[in-house]
């Protein structure tokens, strides 16, 4: 039973992470490519969150491929 609880918590954490990224994509999708590059490359401690960085990279990749 412990394995199932651990698995359920892992799946829930992944779902929350994906929701954060999805929300960041919605928030960032109107930013310029330069602004997105700045966010994606931010390495300062109090800078962009991981979700922001992943969302910025996702948007940039989609724009490059012509999907966005």
PDB file of N, CA and C in Angstrom:
ATOM      1  N   UNK A   1       0.824  -1.195   0.000  1.00  0.00           N
ATOM      2  CA  UNK A   1       0.000   0.000   0.000  1.00  0.00           C
ATOM      3  C   UNK A   1       0.869   1.261   0.000  1.00  0.00           C
ATOM      4  N   UNK A   2       2.045   1.170   0.597  1.00  0.00           N
ATOM      5  CA  UNK A   2       2.936   2.318   0.650  1.00  0.00           C
ATOM      6  C   UNK A   2       3.373   2.763  -0.731  1.00  0.00           C
ATOM      7  N   UNK A   3       3.586   1.786  -1.608  1.00  0.00           N
ATOM      8  CA  UNK A   3       3.999   2.112  -2.978  1.00  0.00           C
ATOM      9  C   UNK A   3       2.916   2.896  -3.695  1.00  0.00           C
ATOM     10  N   UNK A   4       1.663   2.496  -3.533  1.00  0.00           N
ATOM     11  CA  UNK A   4       0.560   3.193  -4.196  1.00  0.00           C
ATOM     12  C   UNK A   4       0.410   4.616  -3.677  1.00  0.00           C
ATOM     13  N   UNK A   5       0.593   4.801  -2.381  1.00  0.00           N
ATOM     14  CA  UNK A   5       0.525   6.158  -1.817  1.00  0.00           C
ATOM     15  C   UNK A   5       1.638   7.032  -2.361  1.00  0.00           C
ATOM     16  N   UNK A   6       2.831   6.480  -2.448  1.00  0.00           N
ATOM     17  CA  UNK A   6       3.968   7.212  -2.996  1.00  0.00           C
ATOM     18  C   UNK A   6       3.727   7.561  -4.457  1.00  0.00           C
ATOM     19  N   UNK A   7       3.221   6.605  -5.212  1.00  0.00           N
ATOM     20  CA  UNK A   7       2.921   6.827  -6.615  1.00  0.00           C
ATOM     21  C   UNK A   7       1.856   7.912  -6.782  1.00  0.00           C
ATOM     22  N   UNK A   8       0.832   7.863  -5.963  1.00  0.00           N
ATOM     23  CA  UNK A   8      -0.235   8.865  -6.026  1.00  0.00           C
ATOM     24  C   UNK A   8       0.309  10.256  -5.712  1.00  0.00           C
ATOM     25  N   UNK A   9       1.172  10.364  -4.725  1.00  0.00           N
ATOM     26  CA  UNK A   9       1.763  11.664  -4.378  1.00  0.00           C
ATOM     27  C   UNK A   9       2.650  12.174  -5.504  1.00  0.00           C
ATOM     28  N   UNK A  10       3.404  11.275  -6.133  1.00  0.00           N
ATOM     29  CA  UNK A  10       4.270  11.659  -7.243  1.00  0.00           C
ATOM     30  C   UNK A  10       3.441  12.174  -8.416  1.00  0.00           C
ATOM     31  N   UNK A  11       2.363  11.461  -8.736  1.00  0.00           N
ATOM     32  CA  UNK A  11       1.490  11.870  -9.842  1.00  0.00           C
ATOM     33  C   UNK A  11       0.846  13.212  -9.528  1.00  0.00           C
ATOM     34  N   UNK A  12       0.416  13.402  -8.302  1.00  0.00           N
ATOM     35  CA  UNK A  12      -0.202  14.668  -7.903  1.00  0.00           C
ATOM     36  C   UNK A  12       0.800  15.814  -8.001  1.00  0.00           C
ATOM     37  N   UNK A  13       2.025  15.587  -7.583  1.00  0.00           N
ATOM     38  CA  UNK A  13       3.063  16.616  -7.663  1.00  0.00           C
ATOM     39  C   UNK A  13       3.364  16.973  -9.115  1.00  0.00           C
ATOM     40  N   UNK A  14       3.424  15.975  -9.986  1.00  0.00           N
ATOM     41  CA  UNK A  14       3.660  16.225 -11.415  1.00  0.00           C
ATOM     42  C   UNK A  14       2.514  17.024 -12.019  1.00  0.00           C
ATOM     43  N   UNK A  15       1.297  16.690 -11.620  1.00  0.00           N
ATOM     44  CA  UNK A  15       0.123  17.409 -12.125  1.00  0.00           C
ATOM     45  C   UNK A  15       0.172  18.881 -11.696  1.00  0.00           C
ATOM     46  N   UNK A  16       0.525  19.129 -10.442  1.00  0.00           N
ATOM     47  CA  UNK A  16       0.641  20.503  -9.948  1.00  0.00           C
ATOM     48  C   UNK A  16       1.727  21.257 -10.702  1.00  0.00           C
ATOM     49  N   UNK A  17       2.838  20.592 -10.967  1.00  0.00           N
ATOM     50  CA  UNK A  17       3.945  21.208 -11.713  1.00  0.00           C
ATOM     51  C   UNK A  17       3.485  21.587 -13.116  1.00  0.00           C
ATOM     52  N   UNK A  18       2.775  20.689 -13.782  1.00  0.00           N
ATOM     53  CA  UNK A  18       2.279  20.964 -15.137  1.00  0.00           C
ATOM     54  C   UNK A  18       1.264  22.105 -15.129  1.00  0.00           C
ATOM     55  N   UNK A  19       0.432  22.185 -14.110  1.00  0.00           N
ATOM     56  CA  UNK A  19      -0.533  23.281 -14.001  1.00  0.00           C
ATOM     57  C   UNK A  19       0.181  24.625 -13.862  1.00  0.00           C
ATOM     58  N   UNK A  20       1.248  24.649 -13.060  1.00  0.00           N
ATOM     59  CA  UNK A  20       2.027  25.881 -12.898  1.00  0.00           C
ATOM     60  C   UNK A  20       2.624  26.318 -14.232  1.00  0.00           C
ATOM     61  N   UNK A  21       3.187  25.364 -14.962  1.00  0.00           N
ATOM     62  CA  UNK A  21       3.786  25.679 -16.261  1.00  0.00           C
ATOM     63  C   UNK A  21       2.713  26.170 -17.225  1.00  0.00           C
ATOM     64  N   UNK A  22       1.572  25.511 -17.234  1.00  0.00           N
ATOM     65  CA  UNK A  22       0.465  25.911 -18.110  1.00  0.00           C
ATOM     66  C   UNK A  22       0.027  27.345 -17.800  1.00  0.00           C
ATOM     67  N   UNK A  23      -0.068  27.677 -16.521  1.00  0.00           N
ATOM     68  CA  UNK A  23      -0.440  29.035 -16.125  1.00  0.00           C
ATOM     69  C   UNK A  23       0.617  30.048 -16.550  1.00  0.00           C
ATOM     70  N   UNK A  24       1.870  29.672 -16.438  1.00  0.00           N
ATOM     71  CA  UNK A  24       2.955  30.564 -16.849  1.00  0.00           C
ATOM     72  C   UNK A  24       2.953  30.764 -18.368  1.00  0.00           C
ATOM     73  N   UNK A  25       2.646  29.725 -19.130  1.00  0.00           N
ATOM     74  CA  UNK A  25       2.569  29.860 -20.588  1.00  0.00           C
ATOM     75  C   UNK A  25       1.496  30.887 -20.938  1.00  0.00           C
ATOM     76  N   UNK A  26       0.347  30.781 -20.296  1.00  0.00           N
ATOM     77  CA  UNK A  26      -0.727  31.743 -20.551  1.00  0.00           C
ATOM     78  C   UNK A  26      -0.297  33.171 -20.203  1.00  0.00           C
ATOM     79  N   UNK A  27       0.427  33.313 -19.113  1.00  0.00           N
ATOM     80  CA  UNK A  27       0.861  34.634 -18.666  1.00  0.00           C
ATOM     81  C   UNK A  27       1.952  35.212 -19.566  1.00  0.00           C
ATOM     82  N   UNK A  28       2.834  34.364 -20.060  1.00  0.00           N
ATOM     83  CA  UNK A  28       4.011  34.831 -20.796  1.00  0.00           C
ATOM     84  C   UNK A  28       3.845  34.848 -22.314  1.00  0.00           C
ATOM     85  N   UNK A  29       2.779  34.313 -22.848  1.00  0.00           N
ATOM     86  CA  UNK A  29       2.708  34.119 -24.293  1.00  0.00           C
ATOM     87  C   UNK A  29       2.711  35.408 -25.105  1.00  0.00           C
ATOM     88  N   UNK A  30       2.457  36.541 -24.491  1.00  0.00           N
ATOM     89  CA  UNK A  30       2.467  37.815 -25.224  1.00  0.00           C
ATOM     90  C   UNK A  30       3.772  38.586 -25.061  1.00  0.00           C
ATOM     91  N   UNK A  31       4.726  38.007 -24.361  1.00  0.00           N
ATOM     92  CA  UNK A  31       6.028  38.653 -24.189  1.00  0.00           C
ATOM     93  C   UNK A  31       6.835  38.515 -25.476  1.00  0.00           C
ATOM     94  N   UNK A  32       7.774  39.443 -25.654  1.00  0.00           N
ATOM     95  CA  UNK A  32       8.642  39.382 -26.830  1.00  0.00           C
ATOM     96  C   UNK A  32       9.652  38.241 -26.670  1.00  0.00           C
ATOM     97  N   UNK A  33      10.251  37.850 -27.781  1.00  0.00           N
ATOM     98  CA  UNK A  33      11.266  36.800 -27.732  1.00  0.00           C
ATOM     99  C   UNK A  33      12.442  37.195 -26.847  1.00  0.00           C
ATOM    100  N   UNK A  34      12.834  38.461 -26.891  1.00  0.00           N
ATOM    101  CA  UNK A  34      13.939  38.922 -26.047  1.00  0.00           C
ATOM    102  C   UNK A  34      13.607  38.784 -24.570  1.00  0.00           C
ATOM    103  N   UNK A  35      12.379  39.151 -24.201  1.00  0.00           N
ATOM    104  CA  UNK A  35      11.961  39.007 -22.800  1.00  0.00           C
ATOM    105  C   UNK A  35      11.931  37.535 -22.395  1.00  0.00           C
ATOM    106  N   UNK A  36      11.448  36.686 -23.287  1.00  0.00           N
ATOM    107  CA  UNK A  36      11.393  35.255 -22.984  1.00  0.00           C
ATOM    108  C   UNK A  36      12.781  34.653 -22.849  1.00  0.00           C
ATOM    109  N   UNK A  37      13.705  35.077 -23.713  1.00  0.00           N
ATOM    110  CA  UNK A  37      15.086  34.594 -23.605  1.00  0.00           C
ATOM    111  C   UNK A  37      15.697  35.004 -22.275  1.00  0.00           C
ATOM    112  N   UNK A  38      15.413  36.213 -21.853  1.00  0.00           N
ATOM    113  CA  UNK A  38      15.925  36.704 -20.576  1.00  0.00           C
ATOM    114  C   UNK A  38      15.390  35.857 -19.414  1.00  0.00           C
ATOM    115  N   UNK A  39      14.117  35.527 -19.477  1.00  0.00           N
ATOM    116  CA  UNK A  39      13.510  34.694 -18.426  1.00  0.00           C
ATOM    117  C   UNK A  39      14.101  33.290 -18.457  1.00  0.00           C
ATOM    118  N   UNK A  40      14.213  32.718 -19.639  1.00  0.00           N
ATOM    119  CA  UNK A  40      14.718  31.345 -19.781  1.00  0.00           C
ATOM    120  C   UNK A  40      16.154  31.211 -19.282  1.00  0.00           C
ATOM    121  N   UNK A  41      16.945  32.268 -19.440  1.00  0.00           N
ATOM    122  CA  UNK A  41      18.357  32.218 -19.047  1.00  0.00           C
ATOM    123  C   UNK A  41      18.607  32.724 -17.632  1.00  0.00           C
ATOM    124  N   UNK A  42      17.579  33.186 -16.937  1.00  0.00           N
ATOM    125  CA  UNK A  42      17.733  33.767 -15.605  1.00  0.00           C
ATOM    126  C   UNK A  42      18.291  32.721 -14.636  1.00  0.00           C
ATOM    127  N   UNK A  43      19.420  33.019 -14.055  1.00  0.00           N
ATOM    128  CA  UNK A  43      20.023  32.095 -13.097  1.00  0.00           C
ATOM    129  C   UNK A  43      20.175  32.725 -11.715  1.00  0.00           C
ATOM    130  N   UNK A  44      19.593  33.901 -11.520  1.00  0.00           N
ATOM    131  CA  UNK A  44      19.702  34.536 -10.209  1.00  0.00           C
ATOM    132  C   UNK A  44      18.823  33.814  -9.198  1.00  0.00           C
ATOM    133  N   UNK A  45      19.195  33.887  -7.957  1.00  0.00           N
ATOM    134  CA  UNK A  45      18.504  33.153  -6.903  1.00  0.00           C
ATOM    135  C   UNK A  45      17.048  33.582  -6.753  1.00  0.00           C
ATOM    136  N   UNK A  46      16.803  34.881  -6.805  1.00  0.00           N
ATOM    137  CA  UNK A  46      15.440  35.387  -6.633  1.00  0.00           C
ATOM    138  C   UNK A  46      14.776  35.729  -7.968  1.00  0.00           C
ATOM    139  N   UNK A  47      15.308  35.192  -9.048  1.00  0.00           N
ATOM    140  CA  UNK A  47      14.784  35.483 -10.381  1.00  0.00           C
ATOM    141  C   UNK A  47      13.595  34.615 -10.731  1.00  0.00           C
ATOM    142  N   UNK A  48      13.555  34.209 -11.966  1.00  0.00           N
ATOM    143  CA  UNK A  48      12.431  33.441 -12.499  1.00  0.00           C
ATOM    144  C   UNK A  48      12.332  32.070 -11.837  1.00  0.00           C
ATOM    145  N   UNK A  49      11.102  31.629 -11.639  1.00  0.00           N
ATOM    146  CA  UNK A  49      10.874  30.294 -11.085  1.00  0.00           C
ATOM    147  C   UNK A  49      11.141  29.252 -12.169  1.00  0.00           C
ATOM    148  N   UNK A  50      11.254  28.003 -11.753  1.00  0.00           N
ATOM    149  CA  UNK A  50      11.457  26.923 -12.717  1.00  0.00           C
ATOM    150  C   UNK A  50      10.294  26.858 -13.697  1.00  0.00           C
ATOM    151  N   UNK A  51       9.077  27.056 -13.207  1.00  0.00           N
ATOM    152  CA  UNK A  51       7.903  27.013 -14.079  1.00  0.00           C
ATOM    153  C   UNK A  51       7.969  28.125 -15.118  1.00  0.00           C
ATOM    154  N   UNK A  52       8.408  29.322 -14.697  1.00  0.00           N
ATOM    155  CA  UNK A  52       8.549  30.439 -15.641  1.00  0.00           C
ATOM    156  C   UNK A  52       9.581  30.114 -16.711  1.00  0.00           C
ATOM    157  N   UNK A  53      10.712  29.568 -16.288  1.00  0.00           N
ATOM    158  CA  UNK A  53      11.774  29.237 -17.232  1.00  0.00           C
ATOM    159  C   UNK A  53      11.306  28.185 -18.238  1.00  0.00           C
ATOM    160  N   UNK A  54      10.629  27.145 -17.739  1.00  0.00           N
ATOM    161  CA  UNK A  54      10.148  26.098 -18.629  1.00  0.00           C
ATOM    162  C   UNK A  54       9.091  26.632 -19.587  1.00  0.00           C
ATOM    163  N   UNK A  55       8.215  27.497 -19.080  1.00  0.00           N
ATOM    164  CA  UNK A  55       7.183  28.083 -19.935  1.00  0.00           C
ATOM    165  C   UNK A  55       7.811  28.955 -21.020  1.00  0.00           C
ATOM    166  N   UNK A  56       8.816  29.747 -20.654  1.00  0.00           N
ATOM    167  CA  UNK A  56       9.492  30.613 -21.628  1.00  0.00           C
ATOM    168  C   UNK A  56      10.155  29.769 -22.707  1.00  0.00           C
ATOM    169  N   UNK A  57      10.833  28.684 -22.303  1.00  0.00           N
ATOM    170  CA  UNK A  57      11.477  27.805 -23.281  1.00  0.00           C
ATOM    171  C   UNK A  57      10.440  27.145 -24.191  1.00  0.00           C
ATOM    172  N   UNK A  58       9.333  26.727 -23.615  1.00  0.00           N
ATOM    173  CA  UNK A  58       8.254  26.094 -24.389  1.00  0.00           C
ATOM    174  C   UNK A  58       7.730  27.056 -25.456  1.00  0.00           C
ATOM    175  N   UNK A  59       7.454  28.296 -25.054  1.00  0.00           N
ATOM    176  CA  UNK A  59       6.926  29.296 -25.994  1.00  0.00           C
ATOM    177  C   UNK A  59       7.939  29.578 -27.096  1.00  0.00           C
ATOM    178  N   UNK A  60       9.195  29.770 -26.714  1.00  0.00           N
ATOM    179  CA  UNK A  60      10.234  30.035 -27.718  1.00  0.00           C
ATOM    180  C   UNK A  60      10.346  28.884 -28.715  1.00  0.00           C
ATOM    181  N   UNK A  61      10.321  27.657 -28.234  1.00  0.00           N
ATOM    182  CA  UNK A  61      10.406  26.495 -29.129  1.00  0.00           C
ATOM    183  C   UNK A  61       9.204  26.419 -30.054  1.00  0.00           C
ATOM    184  N   UNK A  62       8.029  26.705 -29.537  1.00  0.00           N
ATOM    185  CA  UNK A  62       6.818  26.673 -30.361  1.00  0.00           C
ATOM    186  C   UNK A  62       6.859  27.777 -31.417  1.00  0.00           C
ATOM    187  N   UNK A  63       7.363  28.949 -31.044  1.00  0.00           N
ATOM    188  CA  UNK A  63       7.473  30.042 -32.020  1.00  0.00           C
ATOM    189  C   UNK A  63       8.472  29.697 -33.109  1.00  0.00           C
ATOM    190  N   UNK A  64       9.596  29.106 -32.721  1.00  0.00           N
ATOM    191  CA  UNK A  64      10.623  28.734 -33.708  1.00  0.00           C
ATOM    192  C   UNK A  64      10.103  27.701 -34.694  1.00  0.00           C
ATOM    193  N   UNK A  65       9.286  26.777 -34.197  1.00  0.00           N
ATOM    194  CA  UNK A  65       8.771  25.721 -35.072  1.00  0.00           C
ATOM    195  C   UNK A  65       7.543  26.172 -35.861  1.00  0.00           C
ATOM    196  N   UNK A  66       7.057  27.398 -35.590  1.00  0.00           N
ATOM    197  CA  UNK A  66       5.918  27.930 -36.318  1.00  0.00           C
ATOM    198  C   UNK A  66       4.571  27.489 -35.779  1.00  0.00           C
ATOM    199  N   UNK A  67       4.561  26.833 -34.635  1.00  0.00           N
ATOM    200  CA  UNK A  67       3.310  26.353 -34.056  1.00  0.00           C
ATOM    201  C   UNK A  67       2.590  27.412 -33.230  1.00  0.00           C
ATOM    202  N   UNK A  68       3.285  28.502 -32.925  1.00  0.00           N
ATOM    203  CA  UNK A  68       2.678  29.536 -32.081  1.00  0.00           C
ATOM    204  C   UNK A  68       2.921  30.888 -32.683  1.00  0.00           C
TER     205      UNK A  68
END
